[in-house]
Amino acid sequence: MSYDLIRRVESLGEPSILVVGDLILDRYVWGDAERISQEAPVPLLRADRREHRLGGASSVAMMLRALGARVRLAGAVGDDSEAGLVRGLLRDLEIDDELVLALRDRPTTLKERYIGRAQDRHPQQMIRVDYEVRDPIPLEVQDLLRSKWADEVARADLVLISDYDKGVCAPALLRGLIDETRRQGKRIVADPIRGRDYAKYRGVHCMTPNRLEAQLATGMTITEPEDALEVGRKLVRELEMESILVTLDRDGMALARQDGRGELIATRPRQVYDITGAGDMVLAVVGLCLAAGADFDEAGALGNVAGGLEVERIGVAMISRDEILADLLEHQRRADGKRFERSRLAEECRRLRRAGRKVVFTNGCFDILHVGHARLLRQAADLGDFLVVGVNSDESVRRLKGASRPINLEAARCELLEAIASVDAVTVFDEDTPLEVIESIRPDVLVKGGDYAPDEVVGRAEVEGWGGRLVLVPLVEGHSTTRMAGRAAESASQSRQTSAHRAETVPPEPSSRTLSVSATDRVEAGSRITREPADKR
């Protein structure tokens, strides 16, 4: 994973986005489903909780708001209690609903899902019930919204269309919106319906259909991910778009551009619990990235990441920038390992702190790892979210411990530390103290063993100066690298002395002849050398 994606998330800013489309209220009824009904062969749900969430275009608006965008939403609801719930949720999130119009001739679109828990397993959706009218909204309502487009597009950095085929995204309404957006030089992105005629989207800059939607719209089949590139190129040509992002679930995305270029954007394996909201999340992130100046490949890659996080949760859920950033950082660490060069480590720690994570630092030679080290590292990791271990270089150890040290060289010591689960990062320093590392990464917690007095700990004043703290971890009795090395040397010395004594007391084997071997004699390992008397040669 490229660090460009991490930088892109950090530089998204707070763009203003206009979302136009079908508003939906998602209702979740949770309960225990532990037996079959006596009335019919169906699970019986004993409901214990009801929850309401925003869906459809309002879900896209919610996701954008959670990602830090300023959002205005245009669409329609009914004149009913569900409409009140939708408006309340929007206002709680500070989403502008001035252009959400109340219609008396239809209900607010409601999708009611029943979620059952059984035998301590992950909750599963049992059934969904929809309440909706799908006819186009009245012409007078369309005309009212069209009269607003010029001002609304002028206020926005980008426009998103979230079409769920519930009546808001009528062809005439979208045509006016697309034409006005292009006239003002703004970008417009659409998440289309499942259908065969995409003419109403002609002129959008980008579209995010899924595999099935793209197949239906073109009459082509996507068997392999590469097939989606040809499907995408066809839609780009026919609809006069700049690009298209075809979402391919486990196969990631296919990006096709107006100039014929195409690329596949891979995704990472995820534990899929519920695909609800994944398409909305992709649209929200793609729109946010494009509004912030990203190219389509960056937007698609980040949409992939966010969509993956979404399917790991039940129902439509909000994903924050911090969560996307944390996922990118974790993937980067897995790909690169735990060994960090200092400047990159400092950058990593800055990102973690901005994401609200706590950085912990400890250091040492770690020449012979023992149980005392293991306990110190485990306790240090418990004090924060990201444990950095500073390791003295070989030359630094020699200056501190003498010419006979280190026993294990730098590469081996680092590899062993990297293998410890509680350690998140390992960095080597050549100085006599870790002060420069500490000043570079600015940890929140500094950890040392209990054999140090607070005033003896290098970096304590600096860490406390920027609001951090020092923690001294008690030592494990009887465990010290220096003592272990001393005991090993003493044992080796005694062994050599014993061997020498045995050699002095064992008499040589008797021999009837002194054997001399010239430099030209060839002696095979393990062989016995014999010479014949001269008169036999």
Protein backbone atom coordinates (compact mmCIF):
# COMPACT_ATOMS: atom_id res chain seq x y z
CA MET A 1 0.00 0.00 0.00
CA SER A 2 1.46 3.35 -1.02
CA TYR A 3 1.99 6.07 1.53
CA ASP A 4 0.31 8.39 -1.05
CA LEU A 5 -3.04 7.07 0.15
CA ILE A 6 -2.18 7.91 3.73
CA ARG A 7 -1.17 11.43 2.72
CA ARG A 8 -4.35 11.78 0.70
CA VAL A 9 -6.53 10.93 3.72
CA GLU A 10 -4.59 13.44 5.80
CA SER A 11 -5.12 16.19 3.22
CA LEU A 12 -8.79 15.71 2.38
CA GLY A 13 -9.80 18.97 4.01
CA GLU A 14 -13.49 19.86 4.45
CA PRO A 15 -15.02 20.06 0.95
CA SER A 16 -18.65 21.04 0.41
CA ILE A 17 -20.69 18.35 -1.35
CA LEU A 18 -24.25 18.39 -2.67
CA VAL A 19 -25.94 14.97 -2.51
CA VAL A 20 -29.05 14.43 -4.64
CA GLY A 21 -31.12 11.28 -4.52
CA ASP A 22 -33.57 8.96 -2.76
CA LEU A 23 -33.72 9.20 1.03
CA ILE A 24 -34.37 5.97 2.92
CA LEU A 25 -34.91 5.19 6.59
CA ASP A 26 -33.38 1.90 7.71
CA ARG A 27 -35.02 0.29 10.72
CA TYR A 28 -33.29 -2.60 12.51
CA VAL A 29 -35.19 -4.84 14.89
CA TRP A 30 -32.77 -6.93 16.98
CA GLY A 31 -33.57 -9.97 19.05
CA ASP A 32 -32.86 -13.59 19.95
CA ALA A 33 -33.78 -16.26 17.39
CA GLU A 34 -33.27 -19.45 19.36
CA ARG A 35 -36.24 -21.60 18.32
CA ILE A 36 -38.73 -22.31 15.53
CA SER A 37 -42.25 -20.91 15.70
CA GLN A 38 -45.08 -23.34 16.55
CA GLU A 39 -47.27 -21.61 13.96
CA ALA A 40 -45.02 -22.15 10.92
CA PRO A 41 -41.56 -23.55 10.12
CA VAL A 42 -39.87 -20.16 10.54
CA PRO A 43 -37.48 -18.77 13.18
CA LEU A 44 -39.15 -16.94 16.04
CA LEU A 45 -37.51 -13.58 16.85
CA ARG A 46 -37.85 -12.34 20.42
CA ALA A 47 -37.23 -8.63 19.78
CA ASP A 48 -35.39 -6.58 22.38
CA ARG A 49 -34.09 -3.51 20.54
CA ARG A 50 -35.09 -1.19 17.68
CA GLU A 51 -32.69 1.12 15.89
CA HIS A 52 -33.04 3.69 13.08
CA ARG A 53 -30.33 4.66 10.64
CA LEU A 54 -30.15 6.76 7.49
CA GLY A 55 -30.16 4.92 4.17
CA GLY A 56 -29.95 5.67 0.46
CA ALA A 57 -28.87 9.23 -0.38
CA SER A 58 -29.18 10.16 3.29
CA SER A 59 -26.73 7.35 4.07
CA VAL A 60 -24.25 8.84 1.60
CA ALA A 61 -24.72 12.23 3.26
CA MET A 62 -24.19 10.69 6.71
CA MET A 63 -21.00 8.93 5.58
CA LEU A 64 -19.64 12.12 4.04
CA ARG A 65 -20.34 14.02 7.23
CA ALA A 66 -18.54 11.38 9.30
CA LEU A 67 -15.61 11.73 6.89
CA GLY A 68 -15.43 15.46 7.54
CA ALA A 69 -17.27 16.96 4.56
CA ARG A 70 -19.86 19.75 4.68
CA VAL A 71 -23.04 18.32 3.19
CA ARG A 72 -26.29 19.60 1.69
CA LEU A 73 -28.93 17.01 0.82
CA ALA A 74 -31.65 17.26 -1.83
CA GLY A 75 -34.49 14.76 -2.09
CA ALA A 76 -37.92 13.91 -0.73
CA VAL A 77 -39.62 12.24 2.24
CA GLY A 78 -43.24 11.61 3.12
CA ASP A 79 -45.40 13.57 5.52
CA ASP A 80 -45.22 10.97 8.30
CA SER A 81 -43.49 9.98 11.52
CA GLU A 82 -40.66 8.30 9.60
CA ALA A 83 -39.91 11.64 7.92
CA GLY A 84 -39.51 13.17 11.36
CA LEU A 85 -37.01 10.46 12.29
CA VAL A 86 -35.04 11.12 9.09
CA ARG A 87 -34.89 14.86 9.69
CA GLY A 88 -33.91 14.38 13.30
CA LEU A 89 -31.01 12.12 12.35
CA LEU A 90 -29.87 14.57 9.65
CA ARG A 91 -29.92 17.52 12.01
CA ASP A 92 -28.08 15.59 14.70
CA LEU A 93 -25.28 15.17 12.15
CA GLU A 94 -25.48 18.82 11.05
CA ILE A 95 -26.49 17.86 7.51
CA ASP A 96 -28.40 20.66 5.76
CA ASP A 97 -31.89 19.32 4.87
CA GLU A 98 -33.36 22.53 3.42
CA LEU A 99 -33.81 20.82 0.03
CA VAL A 100 -35.42 17.69 1.51
CA LEU A 101 -39.04 18.23 0.50
CA ALA A 102 -42.09 16.68 2.23
CA LEU A 103 -44.55 14.92 -0.10
CA ARG A 104 -48.09 14.03 0.98
CA ASP A 105 -48.78 11.52 -1.78
CA ARG A 106 -46.26 8.91 -0.61
CA PRO A 107 -44.66 7.46 2.52
CA THR A 108 -41.08 7.94 3.51
CA THR A 109 -39.21 4.99 2.04
CA LEU A 110 -38.61 2.52 4.90
CA LYS A 111 -36.57 -0.68 4.88
CA GLU A 112 -37.22 -2.74 8.00
CA ARG A 113 -34.69 -5.47 8.78
CA TYR A 114 -35.03 -8.16 11.43
CA ILE A 115 -31.70 -9.26 12.91
CA GLY A 116 -31.47 -12.48 14.93
CA ARG A 117 -28.88 -13.71 17.41
CA ALA A 118 -28.52 -17.44 18.04
CA GLN A 119 -26.10 -19.63 20.01
CA ASP A 120 -23.59 -16.80 20.57
CA ARG A 121 -22.97 -16.51 16.83
CA HIS A 122 -22.64 -13.26 14.90
CA PRO A 123 -26.11 -11.68 14.36
CA GLN A 124 -27.70 -12.46 10.98
CA GLN A 125 -30.41 -10.71 8.99
CA MET A 126 -33.54 -12.89 8.84
CA ILE A 127 -35.89 -10.88 6.63
CA ARG A 128 -36.35 -7.38 5.20
CA VAL A 129 -39.68 -5.61 4.71
CA ASP A 130 -39.90 -2.53 2.42
CA TYR A 131 -42.48 0.28 2.55
CA GLU A 132 -42.18 2.47 -0.55
CA VAL A 133 -43.64 4.15 -3.63
CA ARG A 134 -41.38 4.18 -6.68
CA ASP A 135 -43.26 6.52 -9.02
CA PRO A 136 -41.40 9.68 -10.13
CA ILE A 137 -41.91 12.62 -7.80
CA PRO A 138 -44.50 15.16 -9.08
CA LEU A 139 -43.42 17.49 -11.89
CA GLU A 140 -43.99 20.60 -9.77
CA VAL A 141 -41.57 19.21 -7.17
CA GLN A 142 -39.03 18.47 -9.90
CA ASP A 143 -39.39 22.03 -11.22
CA LEU A 144 -38.89 23.45 -7.73
CA LEU A 145 -35.64 21.50 -7.27
CA ARG A 146 -34.41 22.39 -10.77
CA SER A 147 -34.86 26.05 -9.98
CA LYS A 148 -32.40 25.62 -7.11
CA TRP A 149 -29.60 23.91 -9.05
CA ALA A 150 -27.65 26.99 -10.12
CA ASP A 151 -27.26 28.28 -6.57
CA GLU A 152 -26.70 24.85 -5.04
CA VAL A 153 -24.00 23.81 -7.52
CA ALA A 154 -22.25 27.15 -7.01
CA ARG A 155 -22.01 26.42 -3.27
CA ALA A 156 -20.61 22.91 -3.79
CA ASP A 157 -17.17 21.60 -4.65
CA LEU A 158 -18.71 18.42 -6.12
CA VAL A 159 -22.14 16.86 -6.73
CA LEU A 160 -23.12 13.25 -6.01
CA ILE A 161 -26.18 11.42 -7.37
CA SER A 162 -27.41 8.52 -5.23
CA ASP A 163 -30.12 6.83 -7.29
CA TYR A 164 -32.15 4.07 -5.62
CA ASP A 165 -34.98 4.19 -8.17
CA LYS A 166 -37.50 5.56 -5.64
CA GLY A 167 -38.66 8.47 -7.80
CA VAL A 168 -36.37 11.41 -7.05
CA CYS A 169 -33.80 10.88 -9.82
CA ALA A 170 -36.16 11.44 -12.71
CA PRO A 171 -34.48 11.97 -16.13
CA ALA A 172 -35.50 15.62 -16.49
CA LEU A 173 -34.36 16.48 -12.97
CA LEU A 174 -30.96 14.84 -13.50
CA ARG A 175 -30.51 16.42 -16.93
CA GLY A 176 -30.87 19.89 -15.47
CA LEU A 177 -28.46 19.03 -12.65
CA ILE A 178 -25.79 17.48 -14.91
CA ASP A 179 -25.94 20.36 -17.40
CA GLU A 180 -25.69 22.99 -14.66
CA THR A 181 -22.79 21.22 -12.97
CA ARG A 182 -20.84 21.01 -16.24
CA ARG A 183 -21.67 24.64 -17.07
CA GLN A 184 -20.08 25.72 -13.79
CA GLY A 185 -17.00 23.51 -14.31
CA LYS A 186 -17.74 21.29 -11.32
CA ARG A 187 -17.59 17.48 -11.21
CA ILE A 188 -20.61 15.23 -10.80
CA VAL A 189 -20.50 11.51 -9.85
CA ALA A 190 -23.38 9.02 -9.96
CA ASP A 191 -24.16 5.71 -8.29
CA PRO A 192 -26.69 4.30 -10.79
CA ILE A 193 -29.71 2.05 -10.49
CA ARG A 194 -29.85 -1.54 -11.69
CA GLY A 195 -31.22 -1.22 -15.23
CA ARG A 196 -30.62 -1.37 -18.97
CA ASP A 197 -30.91 2.31 -19.87
CA TYR A 198 -28.34 4.70 -18.40
CA ALA A 199 -29.13 7.59 -20.77
CA LYS A 200 -30.26 9.81 -17.90
CA TYR A 201 -26.70 9.79 -16.50
CA ARG A 202 -25.08 10.94 -19.76
CA GLY A 203 -22.50 13.61 -19.04
CA VAL A 204 -21.61 12.74 -15.45
CA HIS A 205 -17.86 12.71 -14.92
CA CYS A 206 -17.74 9.33 -13.18
CA MET A 207 -20.03 6.46 -12.22
CA THR A 208 -19.72 3.66 -9.63
CA PRO A 209 -21.89 0.71 -10.77
CA ASN A 210 -21.39 -2.74 -9.29
CA ARG A 211 -20.69 -5.86 -11.33
CA LEU A 212 -24.33 -6.76 -11.99
CA GLU A 213 -25.38 -3.18 -12.77
CA ALA A 214 -22.57 -2.79 -15.30
CA GLN A 215 -23.49 -6.08 -16.98
CA LEU A 216 -27.17 -5.14 -17.28
CA ALA A 217 -26.37 -1.69 -18.64
CA THR A 218 -24.13 -3.05 -21.42
CA GLY A 219 -25.42 -6.55 -22.08
CA MET A 220 -21.87 -7.79 -21.57
CA THR A 221 -20.66 -10.43 -19.12
CA ILE A 222 -17.96 -9.97 -16.49
CA THR A 223 -16.38 -13.37 -15.87
CA GLU A 224 -12.89 -12.18 -14.99
CA PRO A 225 -11.89 -8.81 -13.51
CA GLU A 226 -10.27 -7.87 -16.84
CA ASP A 227 -13.71 -8.14 -18.49
CA ALA A 228 -14.88 -5.22 -16.36
CA LEU A 229 -12.34 -2.97 -18.07
CA GLU A 230 -13.99 -3.53 -21.45
CA VAL A 231 -17.45 -3.07 -19.93
CA GLY A 232 -16.25 0.14 -18.32
CA ARG A 233 -14.73 1.47 -21.56
CA LYS A 234 -18.03 0.89 -23.35
CA LEU A 235 -19.98 2.86 -20.74
CA VAL A 236 -17.41 5.66 -20.69
CA ARG A 237 -17.74 6.08 -24.47
CA GLU A 238 -21.53 5.85 -24.58
CA LEU A 239 -22.16 8.17 -21.63
CA GLU A 240 -19.36 10.68 -22.41
CA MET A 241 -17.74 10.29 -19.00
CA GLU A 242 -14.18 10.92 -17.84
CA SER A 243 -13.98 7.56 -16.11
CA ILE A 244 -15.88 4.74 -14.47
CA LEU A 245 -15.22 2.65 -11.36
CA VAL A 246 -16.89 -0.77 -11.60
CA THR A 247 -17.01 -2.36 -8.13
CA LEU A 248 -16.29 -6.10 -8.19
CA ASP A 249 -16.80 -7.11 -4.52
CA ARG A 250 -13.94 -9.49 -3.60
CA ASP A 251 -12.09 -8.64 -6.87
CA GLY A 252 -11.80 -4.96 -5.99
CA MET A 253 -12.52 -2.39 -8.69
CA ALA A 254 -11.95 -1.83 -12.40
CA LEU A 255 -11.05 1.73 -13.41
CA ALA A 256 -11.57 2.65 -17.07
CA ARG A 257 -10.74 6.12 -18.40
CA GLN A 258 -11.84 8.21 -21.35
CA ASP A 259 -8.43 7.89 -23.05
CA GLY A 260 -8.71 4.07 -23.02
CA ARG A 261 -6.42 3.43 -20.07
CA GLY A 262 -7.59 0.92 -17.50
CA GLU A 263 -6.40 -0.65 -14.29
CA LEU A 264 -7.58 -3.13 -11.70
CA ILE A 265 -7.58 -1.93 -8.10
CA ALA A 266 -7.18 -4.93 -5.81
CA THR A 267 -8.88 -5.25 -2.46
CA ARG A 268 -7.80 -7.05 0.70
CA PRO A 269 -9.63 -10.10 2.10
CA ARG A 270 -12.27 -9.11 4.66
CA GLN A 271 -14.66 -10.89 7.00
CA VAL A 272 -17.98 -10.01 5.34
CA TYR A 273 -20.93 -9.69 7.73
CA ASP A 274 -23.27 -7.40 5.79
CA ILE A 275 -22.87 -5.77 2.37
CA THR A 276 -25.52 -3.15 3.21
CA GLY A 277 -24.07 0.32 2.70
CA ALA A 278 -20.89 -0.76 0.91
CA GLY A 279 -21.91 0.93 -2.36
CA ASP A 280 -22.87 4.11 -0.52
CA MET A 281 -19.53 4.14 1.24
CA VAL A 282 -17.63 3.75 -2.03
CA LEU A 283 -19.60 6.64 -3.57
CA ALA A 284 -19.02 8.86 -0.52
CA VAL A 285 -15.27 8.27 -0.40
CA VAL A 286 -14.79 8.56 -4.17
CA GLY A 287 -16.72 11.85 -4.14
CA LEU A 288 -14.82 13.19 -1.14
CA CYS A 289 -11.46 12.34 -2.70
CA LEU A 290 -12.32 13.88 -6.07
CA ALA A 291 -13.59 17.01 -4.33
CA ALA A 292 -10.24 17.23 -2.52
CA GLY A 293 -8.28 17.04 -5.79
CA ALA A 294 -7.43 13.33 -5.95
CA ASP A 295 -7.20 11.41 -9.21
CA PHE A 296 -9.59 8.56 -9.98
CA ASP A 297 -7.09 5.84 -9.05
CA GLU A 298 -6.51 7.28 -5.57
CA ALA A 299 -10.25 7.81 -5.12
CA GLY A 300 -10.96 4.23 -6.17
CA ALA A 301 -8.27 2.74 -3.93
CA LEU A 302 -9.56 4.62 -0.87
CA GLY A 303 -13.13 3.73 -1.79
CA ASN A 304 -12.02 0.09 -1.80
CA VAL A 305 -10.58 0.39 1.70
CA ALA A 306 -13.65 2.15 3.11
CA GLY A 307 -16.05 -0.28 1.44
CA GLY A 308 -14.09 -3.16 2.96
CA LEU A 309 -14.40 -1.66 6.43
CA GLU A 310 -18.14 -1.19 5.86
CA VAL A 311 -18.87 -4.86 5.05
CA GLU A 312 -17.22 -5.90 8.31
CA ARG A 313 -20.15 -4.32 10.19
CA ILE A 314 -23.86 -5.00 10.45
CA GLY A 315 -26.03 -2.53 8.57
CA VAL A 316 -25.14 0.94 7.35
CA ALA A 317 -22.36 2.24 9.58
CA MET A 318 -20.30 5.43 9.65
CA ILE A 319 -16.58 5.11 8.98
CA SER A 320 -14.28 7.94 10.06
CA ARG A 321 -11.09 9.19 8.47
CA ASP A 322 -9.22 7.95 11.53
CA GLU A 323 -10.52 4.43 10.95
CA ILE A 324 -9.48 4.49 7.29
CA LEU A 325 -6.11 5.91 8.27
CA ALA A 326 -5.60 3.27 10.97
CA ASP A 327 -6.43 0.51 8.46
CA LEU A 328 -3.94 1.91 5.95
CA LEU A 329 -1.23 2.24 8.59
CA GLU A 330 -1.80 -1.29 9.86
CA HIS A 331 -1.60 -2.69 6.34
CA GLN A 332 1.56 -0.66 5.71
CA ARG A 333 3.18 -2.05 8.86
CA ARG A 334 2.30 -5.62 7.90
CA ALA A 335 3.74 -5.12 4.43
CA ASP A 336 6.96 -3.44 5.56
CA GLY A 337 7.60 -5.27 8.83
CA LYS A 338 8.38 -3.65 12.16
CA ARG A 339 11.88 -2.32 11.41
CA PHE A 340 11.76 1.47 10.94
CA GLU A 341 14.31 4.00 9.81
CA ARG A 342 14.15 7.02 12.12
CA SER A 343 12.59 9.66 9.88
CA ARG A 344 9.84 7.29 8.73
CA LEU A 345 9.20 6.24 12.32
CA ALA A 346 8.79 9.88 13.31
CA GLU A 347 6.26 10.37 10.51
CA GLU A 348 4.40 7.23 11.59
CA CYS A 349 4.19 8.40 15.20
CA ARG A 350 2.89 11.82 14.14
CA ARG A 351 0.11 10.13 12.18
CA LEU A 352 -0.77 7.89 15.08
CA ARG A 353 -1.00 10.80 17.50
CA ARG A 354 -3.19 12.76 15.10
CA ALA A 355 -5.46 9.70 15.00
CA GLY A 356 -5.68 9.76 18.80
CA ARG A 357 -3.28 6.84 19.37
CA LYS A 358 -0.80 6.80 22.27
CA VAL A 359 2.88 6.08 21.46
CA VAL A 360 5.05 4.24 24.03
CA PHE A 361 8.87 4.06 23.89
CA THR A 362 11.44 1.91 25.63
CA ASN A 363 15.02 1.06 24.77
CA GLY A 364 17.95 -1.20 25.54
CA CYS A 365 20.65 -3.47 24.10
CA PHE A 366 18.45 -6.58 24.29
CA ASP A 367 21.58 -8.66 23.79
CA ILE A 368 20.16 -11.86 25.26
CA LEU A 369 16.35 -11.79 25.41
CA HIS A 370 14.98 -13.21 28.66
CA VAL A 371 11.77 -13.29 30.66
CA GLY A 372 12.51 -9.89 32.19
CA HIS A 373 12.53 -8.32 28.73
CA ALA A 374 9.33 -10.11 27.76
CA ARG A 375 7.48 -8.82 30.82
CA LEU A 376 8.79 -5.28 30.41
CA LEU A 377 7.70 -5.18 26.76
CA ARG A 378 4.29 -6.63 27.54
CA GLN A 379 3.66 -4.11 30.31
CA ALA A 380 4.95 -1.26 28.15
CA ALA A 381 2.56 -2.22 25.33
CA ASP A 382 -0.37 -2.11 27.77
CA LEU A 383 0.37 1.57 28.47
CA GLY A 384 -0.57 2.75 24.96
CA ASP A 385 -1.45 1.80 21.40
CA PHE A 386 1.93 1.65 19.62
CA LEU A 387 5.11 0.36 21.28
CA VAL A 388 8.42 1.51 19.83
CA VAL A 389 11.60 -0.28 20.94
CA GLY A 390 14.93 1.51 20.49
CA VAL A 391 17.89 -0.86 20.10
CA ASN A 392 21.55 0.06 20.58
CA SER A 393 23.62 -0.63 17.47
CA ASP A 394 26.54 -3.09 17.71
CA GLU A 395 29.04 -0.23 17.94
CA SER A 396 26.96 1.49 20.62
CA VAL A 397 26.85 -1.74 22.66
CA ARG A 398 30.64 -2.16 22.41
CA ARG A 399 31.20 1.36 23.73
CA LEU A 400 28.82 0.76 26.62
CA LYS A 401 29.54 -2.88 27.49
CA GLY A 402 33.05 -3.58 26.26
CA ALA A 403 34.72 -5.36 23.34
CA SER A 404 33.19 -8.75 24.20
CA ARG A 405 29.67 -7.47 23.59
CA PRO A 406 27.23 -7.75 21.93
CA ILE A 407 26.85 -11.50 22.06
CA ASN A 408 24.13 -11.32 19.40
CA LEU A 409 24.59 -8.92 16.52
CA GLU A 410 22.19 -6.09 15.68
CA ALA A 411 20.26 -7.87 12.93
CA ALA A 412 19.55 -10.90 15.12
CA ARG A 413 18.50 -8.78 18.09
CA CYS A 414 16.09 -6.76 15.95
CA GLU A 415 14.60 -9.85 14.33
CA LEU A 416 13.87 -11.39 17.72
CA LEU A 417 12.19 -8.19 18.94
CA GLU A 418 10.11 -7.97 15.76
CA ALA A 419 8.82 -11.48 16.48
CA ILE A 420 7.34 -10.36 19.82
CA ALA A 421 3.63 -9.61 19.42
CA SER A 422 3.56 -6.70 21.86
CA VAL A 423 6.23 -4.81 19.88
CA ASP A 424 4.94 -2.58 17.05
CA ALA A 425 8.15 -0.95 15.83
CA VAL A 426 11.90 -1.47 16.19
CA THR A 427 14.49 1.19 15.43
CA VAL A 428 18.29 1.14 15.86
CA PHE A 429 20.31 4.07 17.24
CA ASP A 430 24.08 4.44 17.09
CA GLU A 431 24.37 7.07 19.83
CA ASP A 432 25.19 6.19 23.43
CA THR A 433 21.69 7.25 24.52
CA PRO A 434 18.27 7.18 22.80
CA LEU A 435 17.68 10.91 23.33
CA GLU A 436 17.67 11.78 19.62
CA VAL A 437 15.15 9.01 18.91
CA ILE A 438 12.94 10.21 21.76
CA GLU A 439 13.03 13.80 20.54
CA SER A 440 12.24 12.60 17.01
CA ILE A 441 9.18 10.45 17.78
CA ARG A 442 7.95 12.39 20.87
CA PRO A 443 6.37 9.42 22.73
CA ASP A 444 3.47 9.86 25.12
CA VAL A 445 4.92 7.31 27.55
CA LEU A 446 8.59 6.56 28.29
CA VAL A 447 9.25 3.16 29.90
CA LYS A 448 12.38 1.91 31.69
CA GLY A 449 13.21 -0.87 34.10
CA GLY A 450 12.86 -0.38 37.84
CA ASP A 451 16.62 -0.41 38.39
CA TYR A 452 16.69 3.23 37.25
CA ALA A 453 15.87 6.21 39.42
CA PRO A 454 13.60 8.73 37.65
CA ASP A 455 16.37 11.33 37.43
CA GLU A 456 18.65 8.78 35.72
CA VAL A 457 16.32 8.09 32.81
CA VAL A 458 17.44 9.72 29.57
CA GLY A 459 14.60 11.66 27.95
CA ARG A 460 12.44 11.96 31.03
CA ALA A 461 12.57 15.78 31.11
CA GLU A 462 11.81 16.03 27.41
CA VAL A 463 8.85 13.62 27.52
CA GLU A 464 7.33 15.29 30.57
CA GLY A 465 7.95 18.67 28.92
CA TRP A 466 5.53 17.89 26.08
CA GLY A 467 2.95 16.36 28.40
CA GLY A 468 4.06 12.72 28.46
CA ARG A 469 5.03 10.60 31.44
CA LEU A 470 7.68 8.20 32.66
CA VAL A 471 6.77 4.70 33.87
CA LEU A 472 9.27 2.47 35.67
CA VAL A 473 8.54 -1.25 35.37
CA PRO A 474 9.80 -3.52 38.21
CA LEU A 475 12.58 -5.90 37.26
CA VAL A 476 12.24 -9.67 37.35
CA GLU A 477 14.52 -11.06 40.07
CA GLY A 478 17.52 -13.03 38.85
CA HIS A 479 17.27 -11.99 35.22
CA SER A 480 19.96 -9.73 33.78
CA THR A 481 21.73 -9.96 30.42
CA THR A 482 25.06 -9.04 32.00
CA ARG A 483 24.71 -11.70 34.69
CA MET A 484 23.55 -14.27 32.14
CA ALA A 485 26.53 -13.48 29.92
CA GLY A 486 28.84 -13.73 32.94
CA ARG A 487 27.41 -17.08 33.97
CA ALA A 488 27.77 -18.36 30.42
CA ALA A 489 31.41 -17.23 30.27
CA GLU A 490 32.16 -18.81 33.66
CA SER A 491 30.52 -22.08 32.59
CA ALA A 492 32.53 -22.08 29.35
CA SER A 493 35.75 -21.46 31.28
CA GLN A 494 35.06 -24.32 33.67
CA SER A 495 34.30 -26.59 30.74
CA ARG A 496 37.62 -25.73 29.08
CA GLN A 497 39.51 -26.37 32.31
CA THR A 498 37.87 -29.76 32.76
CA SER A 499 38.70 -30.74 29.19
CA ALA A 500 42.33 -29.69 29.64
CA HIS A 501 42.63 -31.69 32.88
CA ARG A 502 41.29 -34.81 31.18
CA ALA A 503 43.75 -34.41 28.34
CA GLU A 504 46.68 -34.30 30.81
CA THR A 505 45.64 -37.42 32.73
CA VAL A 506 44.84 -39.74 29.81
CA PRO A 507 48.02 -41.59 28.59
CA PRO A 508 48.73 -41.71 24.87
CA GLU A 509 47.88 -44.88 22.98
CA PRO A 510 50.84 -47.25 22.55
CA SER A 511 52.39 -47.32 19.07
CA SER A 512 54.94 -49.72 17.56
CA ARG A 513 56.00 -47.24 14.94
CA THR A 514 56.33 -43.49 14.54
CA LEU A 515 54.38 -42.38 11.54
CA SER A 516 55.36 -39.34 9.53
CA VAL A 517 53.19 -37.90 6.80
CA SER A 518 54.72 -35.76 4.11
CA ALA A 519 53.09 -32.61 2.85
CA THR A 520 52.23 -34.42 -0.34
CA ASP A 521 50.36 -37.26 1.35
CA ARG A 522 46.57 -37.10 0.86
CA VAL A 523 44.61 -37.77 4.03
CA GLU A 524 40.91 -38.46 3.78
CA ALA A 525 38.84 -37.31 6.72
CA GLY A 526 38.19 -40.15 9.14
CA SER A 527 40.58 -42.54 7.33
CA ARG A 528 43.39 -44.54 8.79
CA ILE A 529 46.89 -44.06 7.33
CA THR A 530 49.25 -47.00 6.96
CA ARG A 531 52.66 -47.43 5.39
CA GLU A 532 54.16 -50.58 4.00
CA PRO A 533 57.86 -51.47 4.79
CA ALA A 534 60.31 -50.27 2.13
CA ASP A 535 61.13 -53.78 0.95
CA LYS A 536 57.46 -54.35 0.05
CA ARG A 537 57.19 -51.29 -2.22
